[in-house]
Amino acid sequence: MTEQEFGRGVLHPAVQAGVATLTRPDPSPRLAGFVEFYWHVSWDARDRPYETKVLSHPNVHLVFEDPEPTVYGVDRGLFVRRLEGVGQVLGVKFLPGGFRPLADGPVVRLRDRRVPAAEYFGPEVEAVGRVVRTATDLSQAVMAVEAFLDPLLPARPDPAAVEVAGIVERLVADPGVVRVDQAAAVAGVSVRALQRLFAEYVGASPKWVLRRARLQEAAARADSGDAVDWASLAADLGYADQAHLTRDFTAVVGDPPGRYVRSRAGRG
């Protein structure tokens, strides 16, 4: 397992790389229909605390952390976590729709929520958390999590969940799709059917997924180190004009794009 760059959606990734490292092990073939990847972040913020900020993706996460394992629904705002001292955390990033077999209803019920994992998995998940915290290496921790999840998941993914994951992947990859009616056409279903699928399996609306993908692209351009023509980027991302992009970016990130580029935020 090798360290990797912080992925799309992490704000100021170059700054965060000076504090934390990321490793993303792949799931076993058996769980690959449900889990996108595992992620392990370790940090050393003894000099100064660090606020990590992430434009979250349309995924549910199971996170083994202190004081208890937690299930994170899709966070439609800005995910912020303060890192202090030395620490580490191991997470499971489920595919869009991948958490549905483990949920007690439509995944939209988890939207913007953080729930103790024991509410979904019972007290056994806390024992897994103890194994993760005391594991001598990351492979051992991941194997413990996989062994726990394996019997809880069905033999095969729900075909509708597979369909939804494919739709999300296409929407995120195609900047030309900016409206929900376009997304429905790509998926080959009605707008209402697409909205129902996303509520049941994803936990966020198609409109939010499209908007979040555009903001992640804007943030990635801002963090690239290259000069950004914001008016052209706004047009490329389907905004009516630069002012609309600026308002959207500022509402979620907290700074307008120009100030974000100039800042070295995160060390708090």
C-alpha atoms as a PDB file:
ATOM      1  CA  MET A   1       0.000   0.000   0.000  1.00  0.00           C
ATOM      2  CA  THR A   2       1.381   3.383  -0.991  1.00  0.00           C
ATOM      3  CA  GLU A   3       0.637   6.931   0.041  1.00  0.00           C
ATOM      4  CA  GLN A   4      -1.510   8.864  -2.408  1.00  0.00           C
ATOM      5  CA  GLU A   5      -2.341  12.462  -3.164  1.00  0.00           C
ATOM      6  CA  PHE A   6      -5.452  13.810  -1.538  1.00  0.00           C
ATOM      7  CA  GLY A   7      -8.310  13.333  -3.924  1.00  0.00           C
ATOM      8  CA  ARG A   8     -10.830  15.552  -5.592  1.00  0.00           C
ATOM      9  CA  GLY A   9     -12.850  17.635  -3.165  1.00  0.00           C
ATOM     10  CA  VAL A  10     -10.113  18.159  -0.554  1.00  0.00           C
ATOM     11  CA  LEU A  11      -9.500  21.894  -0.244  1.00  0.00           C
ATOM     12  CA  HIS A  12      -5.910  23.154  -0.216  1.00  0.00           C
ATOM     13  CA  PRO A  13      -4.507  19.628  -0.736  1.00  0.00           C
ATOM     14  CA  ALA A  14      -0.896  20.834  -0.875  1.00  0.00           C
ATOM     15  CA  VAL A  15      -1.246  22.377   2.587  1.00  0.00           C
ATOM     16  CA  GLN A  16      -2.899  19.263   3.968  1.00  0.00           C
ATOM     17  CA  ALA A  17      -0.142  17.067   2.549  1.00  0.00           C
ATOM     18  CA  GLY A  18       2.261  18.811   4.923  1.00  0.00           C
ATOM     19  CA  VAL A  19       0.243  17.596   7.890  1.00  0.00           C
ATOM     20  CA  ALA A  20      -1.380  14.312   6.854  1.00  0.00           C
ATOM     21  CA  THR A  21      -0.887  11.309   4.601  1.00  0.00           C
ATOM     22  CA  LEU A  22      -3.506   9.298   2.760  1.00  0.00           C
ATOM     23  CA  THR A  23      -3.519   5.629   1.784  1.00  0.00           C
ATOM     24  CA  ARG A  24      -6.414   4.108  -0.185  1.00  0.00           C
ATOM     25  CA  PRO A  25      -6.479   0.289  -0.197  1.00  0.00           C
ATOM     26  CA  ASP A  26      -8.790  -1.364  -2.712  1.00  0.00           C
ATOM     27  CA  PRO A  27     -11.572  -3.680  -1.543  1.00  0.00           C
ATOM     28  CA  SER A  28     -11.459  -7.402  -2.191  1.00  0.00           C
ATOM     29  CA  PRO A  29     -13.236  -8.610  -5.348  1.00  0.00           C
ATOM     30  CA  ARG A  30     -16.056  -9.880  -3.159  1.00  0.00           C
ATOM     31  CA  LEU A  31     -16.783  -6.396  -1.743  1.00  0.00           C
ATOM     32  CA  ALA A  32     -15.903  -4.370  -4.841  1.00  0.00           C
ATOM     33  CA  GLY A  33     -19.582  -4.195  -5.822  1.00  0.00           C
ATOM     34  CA  PHE A  34     -20.324  -2.292  -2.613  1.00  0.00           C
ATOM     35  CA  VAL A  35     -17.131  -0.492  -1.554  1.00  0.00           C
ATOM     36  CA  GLU A  36     -15.308   2.043  -3.718  1.00  0.00           C
ATOM     37  CA  PHE A  37     -12.179   1.986  -1.564  1.00  0.00           C
ATOM     38  CA  TYR A  38     -10.911   2.142   1.998  1.00  0.00           C
ATOM     39  CA  TRP A  39      -9.088   5.244   3.140  1.00  0.00           C
ATOM     40  CA  HIS A  40      -6.612   5.727   5.917  1.00  0.00           C
ATOM     41  CA  VAL A  41      -5.492   9.182   7.019  1.00  0.00           C
ATOM     42  CA  SER A  42      -2.732   9.686   9.555  1.00  0.00           C
ATOM     43  CA  TRP A  43      -1.603  13.094  10.754  1.00  0.00           C
ATOM     44  CA  ASP A  44       0.921  14.932  12.853  1.00  0.00           C
ATOM     45  CA  ALA A  45      -0.449  18.331  13.864  1.00  0.00           C
ATOM     46  CA  ARG A  46       1.603  18.779  17.017  1.00  0.00           C
ATOM     47  CA  ASP A  47       3.024  22.092  15.798  1.00  0.00           C
ATOM     48  CA  ARG A  48      -0.407  23.622  15.190  1.00  0.00           C
ATOM     49  CA  PRO A  49      -3.931  22.242  14.763  1.00  0.00           C
ATOM     50  CA  TYR A  50      -5.162  21.885  11.211  1.00  0.00           C
ATOM     51  CA  GLU A  51      -8.703  22.173   9.864  1.00  0.00           C
ATOM     52  CA  THR A  52      -9.240  19.795   6.972  1.00  0.00           C
ATOM     53  CA  LYS A  53     -12.066  20.876   4.668  1.00  0.00           C
ATOM     54  CA  VAL A  54     -13.683  18.662   2.051  1.00  0.00           C
ATOM     55  CA  LEU A  55     -16.352  19.143  -0.588  1.00  0.00           C
ATOM     56  CA  SER A  56     -17.923  15.770   0.093  1.00  0.00           C
ATOM     57  CA  HIS A  57     -18.915  13.240  -2.551  1.00  0.00           C
ATOM     58  CA  PRO A  58     -22.274  11.434  -2.979  1.00  0.00           C
ATOM     59  CA  ASN A  59     -21.122   8.521  -0.837  1.00  0.00           C
ATOM     60  CA  VAL A  60     -21.831   7.058   2.584  1.00  0.00           C
ATOM     61  CA  HIS A  61     -18.810   6.349   4.792  1.00  0.00           C
ATOM     62  CA  LEU A  62     -18.256   4.006   7.722  1.00  0.00           C
ATOM     63  CA  VAL A  63     -15.447   5.553   9.764  1.00  0.00           C
ATOM     64  CA  PHE A  64     -13.475   3.830  12.506  1.00  0.00           C
ATOM     65  CA  GLU A  65     -12.495   6.722  14.748  1.00  0.00           C
ATOM     66  CA  ASP A  66     -12.522   7.850  18.361  1.00  0.00           C
ATOM     67  CA  PRO A  67     -14.625   7.805  20.417  1.00  0.00           C
ATOM     68  CA  GLU A  68     -16.705   5.323  18.381  1.00  0.00           C
ATOM     69  CA  PRO A  69     -17.205   4.046  14.819  1.00  0.00           C
ATOM     70  CA  THR A  70     -19.540   6.376  12.928  1.00  0.00           C
ATOM     71  CA  VAL A  71     -21.652   6.249   9.774  1.00  0.00           C
ATOM     72  CA  TYR A  72     -21.520   9.481   7.778  1.00  0.00           C
ATOM     73  CA  GLY A  73     -24.316  10.222   5.346  1.00  0.00           C
ATOM     74  CA  VAL A  74     -23.829  12.478   2.334  1.00  0.00           C
ATOM     75  CA  ASP A  75     -22.768  15.880   3.658  1.00  0.00           C
ATOM     76  CA  ARG A  76     -24.287  18.544   1.432  1.00  0.00           C
ATOM     77  CA  GLY A  77     -22.290  21.328   3.047  1.00  0.00           C
ATOM     78  CA  LEU A  78     -18.581  21.583   3.684  1.00  0.00           C
ATOM     79  CA  PHE A  79     -17.105  18.759   5.778  1.00  0.00           C
ATOM     80  CA  VAL A  80     -14.723  20.216   8.359  1.00  0.00           C
ATOM     81  CA  ARG A  81     -12.599  18.304  10.842  1.00  0.00           C
ATOM     82  CA  ARG A  82     -10.000  19.694  13.208  1.00  0.00           C
ATOM     83  CA  LEU A  83      -6.830  17.630  13.429  1.00  0.00           C
ATOM     84  CA  GLU A  84      -4.794  17.937  16.594  1.00  0.00           C
ATOM     85  CA  GLY A  85      -1.762  16.099  17.918  1.00  0.00           C
ATOM     86  CA  VAL A  86      -0.985  12.762  16.291  1.00  0.00           C
ATOM     87  CA  GLY A  87      -3.746  10.481  15.094  1.00  0.00           C
ATOM     88  CA  GLN A  88      -5.204   8.259  12.431  1.00  0.00           C
ATOM     89  CA  VAL A  89      -8.567   7.141  11.116  1.00  0.00           C
ATOM     90  CA  LEU A  90      -9.737   4.344   8.807  1.00  0.00           C
ATOM     91  CA  GLY A  91     -12.814   4.749   6.636  1.00  0.00           C
ATOM     92  CA  VAL A  92     -14.916   2.727   4.225  1.00  0.00           C
ATOM     93  CA  LYS A  93     -16.173   4.701   1.230  1.00  0.00           C
ATOM     94  CA  PHE A  94     -19.210   2.878  -0.116  1.00  0.00           C
ATOM     95  CA  LEU A  95     -20.146   3.174  -3.750  1.00  0.00           C
ATOM     96  CA  PRO A  96     -23.249   5.259  -4.421  1.00  0.00           C
ATOM     97  CA  GLY A  97     -25.971   2.751  -3.559  1.00  0.00           C
ATOM     98  CA  GLY A  98     -23.477   0.433  -1.886  1.00  0.00           C
ATOM     99  CA  PHE A  99     -24.687   1.168   1.629  1.00  0.00           C
ATOM    100  CA  ARG A 100     -28.363   0.560   0.824  1.00  0.00           C
ATOM    101  CA  PRO A 101     -28.352  -3.155   1.893  1.00  0.00           C
ATOM    102  CA  LEU A 102     -27.073  -2.067   5.318  1.00  0.00           C
ATOM    103  CA  ALA A 103     -29.508   0.807   5.779  1.00  0.00           C
ATOM    104  CA  ASP A 104     -32.871   0.539   7.471  1.00  0.00           C
ATOM    105  CA  GLY A 105     -34.599   2.475   4.709  1.00  0.00           C
ATOM    106  CA  PRO A 106     -33.864   4.957   1.914  1.00  0.00           C
ATOM    107  CA  VAL A 107     -30.332   6.295   2.163  1.00  0.00           C
ATOM    108  CA  VAL A 108     -31.674   9.855   2.018  1.00  0.00           C
ATOM    109  CA  ARG A 109     -32.554   9.418   5.700  1.00  0.00           C
ATOM    110  CA  LEU A 110     -28.823   9.657   6.427  1.00  0.00           C
ATOM    111  CA  ARG A 111     -28.388  12.923   4.533  1.00  0.00           C
ATOM    112  CA  ASP A 112     -26.330  15.468   6.505  1.00  0.00           C
ATOM    113  CA  ARG A 113     -26.194  13.094   9.482  1.00  0.00           C
ATOM    114  CA  ARG A 114     -23.500  11.361  11.507  1.00  0.00           C
ATOM    115  CA  VAL A 115     -24.814   8.289  13.289  1.00  0.00           C
ATOM    116  CA  PRO A 116     -23.054   5.936  15.727  1.00  0.00           C
ATOM    117  CA  ALA A 117     -22.297   2.832  13.676  1.00  0.00           C
ATOM    118  CA  ALA A 118     -23.715   0.618  16.421  1.00  0.00           C
ATOM    119  CA  GLU A 119     -27.189   1.828  15.417  1.00  0.00           C
ATOM    120  CA  TYR A 120     -26.716   0.014  12.110  1.00  0.00           C
ATOM    121  CA  PHE A 121     -24.340  -2.786  13.004  1.00  0.00           C
ATOM    122  CA  GLY A 122     -24.892  -3.446  16.697  1.00  0.00           C
ATOM    123  CA  PRO A 123     -22.182  -3.486  19.382  1.00  0.00           C
ATOM    124  CA  GLU A 124     -20.030  -5.850  17.285  1.00  0.00           C
ATOM    125  CA  VAL A 125     -18.805  -2.904  15.235  1.00  0.00           C
ATOM    126  CA  GLU A 126     -17.191  -1.429  18.341  1.00  0.00           C
ATOM    127  CA  ALA A 127     -15.104  -4.591  18.711  1.00  0.00           C
ATOM    128  CA  VAL A 128     -13.943  -4.134  15.120  1.00  0.00           C
ATOM    129  CA  GLY A 129     -13.033  -0.576  15.992  1.00  0.00           C
ATOM    130  CA  ARG A 130     -10.800  -1.811  18.802  1.00  0.00           C
ATOM    131  CA  VAL A 131      -9.068  -4.193  16.391  1.00  0.00           C
ATOM    132  CA  VAL A 132      -8.521  -1.343  13.938  1.00  0.00           C
ATOM    133  CA  ARG A 133      -7.015   0.889  16.627  1.00  0.00           C
ATOM    134  CA  THR A 134      -4.605  -1.798  17.828  1.00  0.00           C
ATOM    135  CA  ALA A 135      -3.668  -3.274  14.433  1.00  0.00           C
ATOM    136  CA  THR A 136       0.062  -3.393  13.811  1.00  0.00           C
ATOM    137  CA  ASP A 137      -0.336  -2.491  10.141  1.00  0.00           C
ATOM    138  CA  LEU A 138      -2.994  -1.161   7.780  1.00  0.00           C
ATOM    139  CA  SER A 139      -3.480  -4.466   5.953  1.00  0.00           C
ATOM    140  CA  GLN A 140      -4.452  -6.148   9.196  1.00  0.00           C
ATOM    141  CA  ALA A 141      -6.979  -3.394   9.965  1.00  0.00           C
ATOM    142  CA  VAL A 142      -8.546  -3.578   6.506  1.00  0.00           C
ATOM    143  CA  MET A 143      -8.815  -7.354   6.717  1.00  0.00           C
ATOM    144  CA  ALA A 144     -10.698  -7.029  10.016  1.00  0.00           C
ATOM    145  CA  VAL A 145     -13.152  -4.569   8.474  1.00  0.00           C
ATOM    146  CA  GLU A 146     -13.661  -6.757   5.406  1.00  0.00           C
ATOM    147  CA  ALA A 147     -14.254  -9.834   7.549  1.00  0.00           C
ATOM    148  CA  PHE A 148     -16.888  -7.885   9.460  1.00  0.00           C
ATOM    149  CA  LEU A 149     -18.701  -6.504   6.401  1.00  0.00           C
ATOM    150  CA  ASP A 150     -18.582  -9.646   4.255  1.00  0.00           C
ATOM    151  CA  PRO A 151     -21.383 -11.640   5.945  1.00  0.00           C
ATOM    152  CA  LEU A 152     -23.573  -8.533   6.267  1.00  0.00           C
ATOM    153  CA  LEU A 153     -23.700  -7.817   2.548  1.00  0.00           C
ATOM    154  CA  PRO A 154     -25.732  -9.778   0.002  1.00  0.00           C
ATOM    155  CA  ALA A 155     -24.088 -12.171  -2.417  1.00  0.00           C
ATOM    156  CA  ARG A 156     -24.598  -9.701  -5.286  1.00  0.00           C
ATOM    157  CA  PRO A 157     -25.278  -5.976  -5.456  1.00  0.00           C
ATOM    158  CA  ASP A 158     -28.810  -4.814  -6.149  1.00  0.00           C
ATOM    159  CA  PRO A 159     -29.036  -4.173  -9.927  1.00  0.00           C
ATOM    160  CA  ALA A 160     -30.650  -0.801  -9.208  1.00  0.00           C
ATOM    161  CA  ALA A 161     -27.685   0.152  -7.011  1.00  0.00           C
ATOM    162  CA  VAL A 162     -25.281  -0.813  -9.790  1.00  0.00           C
ATOM    163  CA  GLU A 163     -27.300   1.311 -12.188  1.00  0.00           C
ATOM    164  CA  VAL A 164     -27.248   4.289  -9.818  1.00  0.00           C
ATOM    165  CA  ALA A 165     -23.484   4.028  -9.279  1.00  0.00           C
ATOM    166  CA  GLY A 166     -22.988   4.062 -13.040  1.00  0.00           C
ATOM    167  CA  ILE A 167     -25.264   7.085 -13.431  1.00  0.00           C
ATOM    168  CA  VAL A 168     -23.390   9.035 -10.746  1.00  0.00           C
ATOM    169  CA  GLU A 169     -20.065   8.180 -12.376  1.00  0.00           C
ATOM    170  CA  ARG A 170     -21.284   9.415 -15.770  1.00  0.00           C
ATOM    171  CA  LEU A 171     -22.743  12.624 -14.365  1.00  0.00           C
ATOM    172  CA  VAL A 172     -19.594  13.480 -12.434  1.00  0.00           C
ATOM    173  CA  ALA A 173     -17.377  12.767 -15.443  1.00  0.00           C
ATOM    174  CA  ASP A 174     -19.390  14.810 -17.972  1.00  0.00           C
ATOM    175  CA  PRO A 175     -19.215  18.580 -17.371  1.00  0.00           C
ATOM    176  CA  GLY A 176     -21.684  19.088 -20.183  1.00  0.00           C
ATOM    177  CA  VAL A 177     -24.508  17.697 -18.060  1.00  0.00           C
ATOM    178  CA  VAL A 178     -25.620  20.588 -15.857  1.00  0.00           C
ATOM    179  CA  ARG A 179     -29.397  20.150 -15.520  1.00  0.00           C
ATOM    180  CA  VAL A 180     -31.486  17.395 -13.973  1.00  0.00           C
ATOM    181  CA  ASP A 181     -33.456  16.859 -17.193  1.00  0.00           C
ATOM    182  CA  GLN A 182     -30.156  16.276 -18.998  1.00  0.00           C
ATOM    183  CA  ALA A 183     -29.119  13.845 -16.275  1.00  0.00           C
ATOM    184  CA  ALA A 184     -32.400  11.960 -16.651  1.00  0.00           C
ATOM    185  CA  ALA A 185     -31.834  11.724 -20.393  1.00  0.00           C
ATOM    186  CA  VAL A 186     -28.340  10.324 -19.815  1.00  0.00           C
ATOM    187  CA  ALA A 187     -29.828   7.761 -17.420  1.00  0.00           C
ATOM    188  CA  GLY A 188     -32.696   6.935 -19.763  1.00  0.00           C
ATOM    189  CA  VAL A 189     -35.380   7.553 -17.127  1.00  0.00           C
ATOM    190  CA  SER A 190     -37.808  10.325 -16.236  1.00  0.00           C
ATOM    191  CA  VAL A 191     -36.763  13.162 -13.945  1.00  0.00           C
ATOM    192  CA  ARG A 192     -39.060  11.879 -11.214  1.00  0.00           C
ATOM    193  CA  ALA A 193     -37.717   8.320 -11.524  1.00  0.00           C
ATOM    194  CA  LEU A 194     -34.145   9.625 -11.278  1.00  0.00           C
ATOM    195  CA  GLN A 195     -35.011  11.607  -8.165  1.00  0.00           C
ATOM    196  CA  ARG A 196     -36.562   8.534  -6.553  1.00  0.00           C
ATOM    197  CA  LEU A 197     -33.518   6.404  -7.376  1.00  0.00           C
ATOM    198  CA  PHE A 198     -31.163   8.954  -5.849  1.00  0.00           C
ATOM    199  CA  ALA A 199     -33.258   9.311  -2.688  1.00  0.00           C
ATOM    200  CA  GLU A 200     -33.384   5.539  -2.240  1.00  0.00           C
ATOM    201  CA  TYR A 201     -29.781   4.678  -3.055  1.00  0.00           C
ATOM    202  CA  VAL A 202     -27.537   7.767  -3.053  1.00  0.00           C
ATOM    203  CA  GLY A 203     -28.818   9.997  -0.282  1.00  0.00           C
ATOM    204  CA  ALA A 204     -28.652  13.249  -2.266  1.00  0.00           C
ATOM    205  CA  SER A 205     -30.599  14.667  -5.182  1.00  0.00           C
ATOM    206  CA  PRO A 206     -29.378  14.606  -8.797  1.00  0.00           C
ATOM    207  CA  LYS A 207     -29.304  18.417  -8.703  1.00  0.00           C
ATOM    208  CA  TRP A 208     -26.947  18.365  -5.728  1.00  0.00           C
ATOM    209  CA  VAL A 209     -24.669  15.777  -7.360  1.00  0.00           C
ATOM    210  CA  LEU A 210     -24.369  17.923 -10.491  1.00  0.00           C
ATOM    211  CA  ARG A 211     -23.737  21.085  -8.488  1.00  0.00           C
ATOM    212  CA  ARG A 212     -21.160  19.409  -6.249  1.00  0.00           C
ATOM    213  CA  ALA A 213     -19.229  18.048  -9.231  1.00  0.00           C
ATOM    214  CA  ARG A 214     -18.992  21.568 -10.654  1.00  0.00           C
ATOM    215  CA  LEU A 215     -17.753  22.996  -7.366  1.00  0.00           C
ATOM    216  CA  GLN A 216     -15.165  20.238  -7.028  1.00  0.00           C
ATOM    217  CA  GLU A 217     -13.888  21.054 -10.512  1.00  0.00           C
ATOM    218  CA  ALA A 218     -13.714  24.755  -9.659  1.00  0.00           C
ATOM    219  CA  ALA A 219     -11.777  24.006  -6.468  1.00  0.00           C
ATOM    220  CA  ALA A 220      -9.414  21.677  -8.333  1.00  0.00           C
ATOM    221  CA  ARG A 221      -8.678  24.414 -10.867  1.00  0.00           C
ATOM    222  CA  ALA A 222      -8.095  26.897  -8.050  1.00  0.00           C
ATOM    223  CA  ASP A 223      -5.669  24.509  -6.335  1.00  0.00           C
ATOM    224  CA  SER A 224      -3.810  23.609  -9.540  1.00  0.00           C
ATOM    225  CA  GLY A 225      -1.398  26.522  -9.267  1.00  0.00           C
ATOM    226  CA  ASP A 226      -2.289  27.698 -12.777  1.00  0.00           C
ATOM    227  CA  ALA A 227      -3.976  31.001 -13.555  1.00  0.00           C
ATOM    228  CA  VAL A 228      -7.730  30.541 -13.812  1.00  0.00           C
ATOM    229  CA  ASP A 229      -9.998  32.419 -16.198  1.00  0.00           C
ATOM    230  CA  TRP A 230     -13.054  32.319 -13.957  1.00  0.00           C
ATOM    231  CA  ALA A 231     -15.433  33.645 -16.596  1.00  0.00           C
ATOM    232  CA  SER A 232     -14.420  30.903 -19.032  1.00  0.00           C
ATOM    233  CA  LEU A 233     -14.542  28.263 -16.318  1.00  0.00           C
ATOM    234  CA  ALA A 234     -18.030  29.397 -15.324  1.00  0.00           C
ATOM    235  CA  ALA A 235     -19.154  28.946 -18.923  1.00  0.00           C
ATOM    236  CA  ASP A 236     -17.467  25.538 -19.156  1.00  0.00           C
ATOM    237  CA  LEU A 237     -19.264  24.400 -15.993  1.00  0.00           C
ATOM    238  CA  GLY A 238     -22.672  25.515 -17.203  1.00  0.00           C
ATOM    239  CA  TYR A 239     -23.102  28.626 -15.068  1.00  0.00           C
ATOM    240  CA  ALA A 240     -24.983  31.567 -16.546  1.00  0.00           C
ATOM    241  CA  ASP A 241     -22.023  33.820 -15.756  1.00  0.00           C
ATOM    242  CA  GLN A 242     -19.038  34.240 -13.448  1.00  0.00           C
ATOM    243  CA  ALA A 243     -21.176  35.855 -10.755  1.00  0.00           C
ATOM    244  CA  HIS A 244     -23.270  32.689 -10.419  1.00  0.00           C
ATOM    245  CA  LEU A 245     -20.148  30.546 -10.000  1.00  0.00           C
ATOM    246  CA  THR A 246     -18.750  32.982  -7.441  1.00  0.00           C
ATOM    247  CA  ARG A 247     -21.964  32.928  -5.390  1.00  0.00           C
ATOM    248  CA  ASP A 248     -22.187  29.135  -5.510  1.00  0.00           C
ATOM    249  CA  PHE A 249     -18.517  28.671  -4.565  1.00  0.00           C
ATOM    250  CA  THR A 250     -18.640  31.249  -1.772  1.00  0.00           C
ATOM    251  CA  ALA A 251     -21.836  29.831  -0.265  1.00  0.00           C
ATOM    252  CA  VAL A 252     -20.257  26.410   0.261  1.00  0.00           C
ATOM    253  CA  VAL A 253     -16.512  27.031   0.602  1.00  0.00           C
ATOM    254  CA  GLY A 254     -16.802  30.243   2.604  1.00  0.00           C
ATOM    255  CA  ASP A 255     -14.489  32.329   0.395  1.00  0.00           C
ATOM    256  CA  PRO A 256     -14.951  33.646  -3.140  1.00  0.00           C
ATOM    257  CA  PRO A 257     -12.689  31.922  -5.682  1.00  0.00           C
ATOM    258  CA  GLY A 258     -10.125  34.711  -5.893  1.00  0.00           C
ATOM    259  CA  ARG A 259      -9.644  34.878  -2.139  1.00  0.00           C
ATOM    260  CA  TYR A 260      -9.525  31.097  -1.941  1.00  0.00           C
ATOM    261  CA  VAL A 261      -6.664  31.003  -4.444  1.00  0.00           C
ATOM    262  CA  ARG A 262      -4.705  33.598  -2.461  1.00  0.00           C
ATOM    263  CA  SER A 263      -5.278  31.965   0.881  1.00  0.00           C
ATOM    264  CA  ARG A 264      -3.382  29.213   2.597  1.00  0.00           C
ATOM    265  CA  ALA A 265      -6.311  28.331   4.842  1.00  0.00           C
ATOM    266  CA  GLY A 266      -6.476  25.320   7.055  1.00  0.00           C
ATOM    267  CA  ARG A 267      -3.981  25.901   9.828  1.00  0.00           C
ATOM    268  CA  GLY A 268      -6.134  27.053  12.666  1.00  0.00           C
END
